[in-house]
Amino acid sequence: MSKCEFYRTEMVTSRAHAAHSGRREPPPQRTLAGYCAHAASVVSRLQAVTVVGGARMLTCGGDVAKCILPDKL
């Protein structure tokens, strides 16, 4: 597996709010969001961080052989 130079990751923290005023809020969840820094990418940093499931839209995982933009690299 050769590593893509445009693949980046960022730690994202999401908070769940308490459903009722008397309940305790669950702890925040931290996940690693992957995105592509290439100008022609279908998943930008903003999409990966803000859209629910946005990080799963990028299917390559940083592997150049699975890249969906091979002609633009």
C-alpha atoms as a PDB file:
ATOM      1  CA  MET A   1       0.000   0.000   0.000  1.00  0.00           C
ATOM      2  CA  SER A   2       1.481   3.317  -1.010  1.00  0.00           C
ATOM      3  CA  LYS A   3       0.384   6.285   1.076  1.00  0.00           C
ATOM      4  CA  CYS A   4      -1.355   9.216  -0.643  1.00  0.00           C
ATOM      5  CA  GLU A   5       0.210  12.625  -0.070  1.00  0.00           C
ATOM      6  CA  PHE A   6      -3.215  14.337  -0.011  1.00  0.00           C
ATOM      7  CA  TYR A   7      -4.850  12.121   2.637  1.00  0.00           C
ATOM      8  CA  ARG A   8      -5.260  13.877   5.984  1.00  0.00           C
ATOM      9  CA  THR A   9      -6.987  13.032   9.251  1.00  0.00           C
ATOM     10  CA  GLU A  10      -8.423  15.180  11.996  1.00  0.00           C
ATOM     11  CA  MET A  11      -9.803  14.347  15.431  1.00  0.00           C
ATOM     12  CA  VAL A  12     -13.464  15.388  15.728  1.00  0.00           C
ATOM     13  CA  THR A  13     -15.326  15.687  19.024  1.00  0.00           C
ATOM     14  CA  SER A  14     -19.114  15.338  18.975  1.00  0.00           C
ATOM     15  CA  ARG A  15     -21.292  16.010  21.963  1.00  0.00           C
ATOM     16  CA  ALA A  16     -24.679  14.510  22.684  1.00  0.00           C
ATOM     17  CA  HIS A  17     -27.151  16.656  24.574  1.00  0.00           C
ATOM     18  CA  ALA A  18     -29.211  15.358  27.450  1.00  0.00           C
ATOM     19  CA  ALA A  19     -32.729  14.422  26.402  1.00  0.00           C
ATOM     20  CA  HIS A  20     -34.270  15.657  29.651  1.00  0.00           C
ATOM     21  CA  SER A  21     -33.198  18.479  31.912  1.00  0.00           C
ATOM     22  CA  GLY A  22     -32.613  16.185  34.897  1.00  0.00           C
ATOM     23  CA  ARG A  23     -30.477  13.637  33.035  1.00  0.00           C
ATOM     24  CA  ARG A  24     -26.734  13.662  32.787  1.00  0.00           C
ATOM     25  CA  GLU A  25     -25.207  14.399  29.434  1.00  0.00           C
ATOM     26  CA  PRO A  26     -23.325  11.439  27.913  1.00  0.00           C
ATOM     27  CA  PRO A  27     -19.575  11.933  27.493  1.00  0.00           C
ATOM     28  CA  PRO A  28     -18.342  13.401  24.193  1.00  0.00           C
ATOM     29  CA  GLN A  29     -17.237  10.983  21.491  1.00  0.00           C
ATOM     30  CA  ARG A  30     -13.968  11.470  19.649  1.00  0.00           C
ATOM     31  CA  THR A  31     -13.566  10.045  16.160  1.00  0.00           C
ATOM     32  CA  LEU A  32     -10.883  10.298  13.517  1.00  0.00           C
ATOM     33  CA  ALA A  33     -12.200  11.917  10.316  1.00  0.00           C
ATOM     34  CA  GLY A  34     -10.284  11.335   7.077  1.00  0.00           C
ATOM     35  CA  TYR A  35     -10.410  13.770   4.177  1.00  0.00           C
ATOM     36  CA  CYS A  36      -8.592  14.556   0.929  1.00  0.00           C
ATOM     37  CA  ALA A  37      -6.652  17.817   0.572  1.00  0.00           C
ATOM     38  CA  HIS A  38      -6.607  17.606  -3.256  1.00  0.00           C
ATOM     39  CA  ALA A  39      -8.429  20.467  -5.038  1.00  0.00           C
ATOM     40  CA  ALA A  40     -10.606  18.062  -7.077  1.00  0.00           C
ATOM     41  CA  SER A  41     -11.572  15.867  -4.122  1.00  0.00           C
ATOM     42  CA  VAL A  42     -15.188  14.870  -3.488  1.00  0.00           C
ATOM     43  CA  VAL A  43     -14.651  15.012   0.301  1.00  0.00           C
ATOM     44  CA  SER A  44     -13.204  18.236   1.670  1.00  0.00           C
ATOM     45  CA  ARG A  45     -12.093  18.846   5.248  1.00  0.00           C
ATOM     46  CA  LEU A  46     -15.296  20.722   6.004  1.00  0.00           C
ATOM     47  CA  GLN A  47     -17.475  17.847   4.757  1.00  0.00           C
ATOM     48  CA  ALA A  48     -15.524  15.230   6.694  1.00  0.00           C
ATOM     49  CA  VAL A  49     -15.715  17.188   9.937  1.00  0.00           C
ATOM     50  CA  THR A  50     -19.266  18.580   9.842  1.00  0.00           C
ATOM     51  CA  VAL A  51     -21.422  16.155   7.827  1.00  0.00           C
ATOM     52  CA  VAL A  52     -22.640  13.071   9.667  1.00  0.00           C
ATOM     53  CA  GLY A  53     -20.874  10.215   7.922  1.00  0.00           C
ATOM     54  CA  GLY A  54     -18.832  12.627   5.828  1.00  0.00           C
ATOM     55  CA  ALA A  55     -15.594  10.893   6.713  1.00  0.00           C
ATOM     56  CA  ARG A  56     -17.019   7.587   5.435  1.00  0.00           C
ATOM     57  CA  MET A  57     -17.614   9.172   2.007  1.00  0.00           C
ATOM     58  CA  LEU A  58     -13.878   8.892   1.297  1.00  0.00           C
ATOM     59  CA  THR A  59     -13.384   5.230   0.482  1.00  0.00           C
ATOM     60  CA  CYS A  60      -9.651   5.145  -0.277  1.00  0.00           C
ATOM     61  CA  GLY A  61      -8.406   5.486   3.305  1.00  0.00           C
ATOM     62  CA  GLY A  62      -5.156   7.012   2.037  1.00  0.00           C
ATOM     63  CA  ASP A  63      -4.271   4.124  -0.299  1.00  0.00           C
ATOM     64  CA  VAL A  64      -3.223   5.389  -3.755  1.00  0.00           C
ATOM     65  CA  ALA A  65      -4.414   2.155  -5.422  1.00  0.00           C
ATOM     66  CA  LYS A  66      -7.992   2.839  -4.217  1.00  0.00           C
ATOM     67  CA  CYS A  67      -7.978   6.541  -5.135  1.00  0.00           C
ATOM     68  CA  ILE A  68     -11.032   7.844  -6.967  1.00  0.00           C
ATOM     69  CA  LEU A  69      -8.972  10.628  -8.603  1.00  0.00           C
ATOM     70  CA  PRO A  70      -6.060   8.692 -10.170  1.00  0.00           C
ATOM     71  CA  ASP A  71      -6.038  10.744 -13.395  1.00  0.00           C
ATOM     72  CA  LYS A  72      -5.677  14.018 -11.442  1.00  0.00           C
ATOM     73  CA  LEU A  73      -2.753  12.961  -9.241  1.00  0.00           C
END
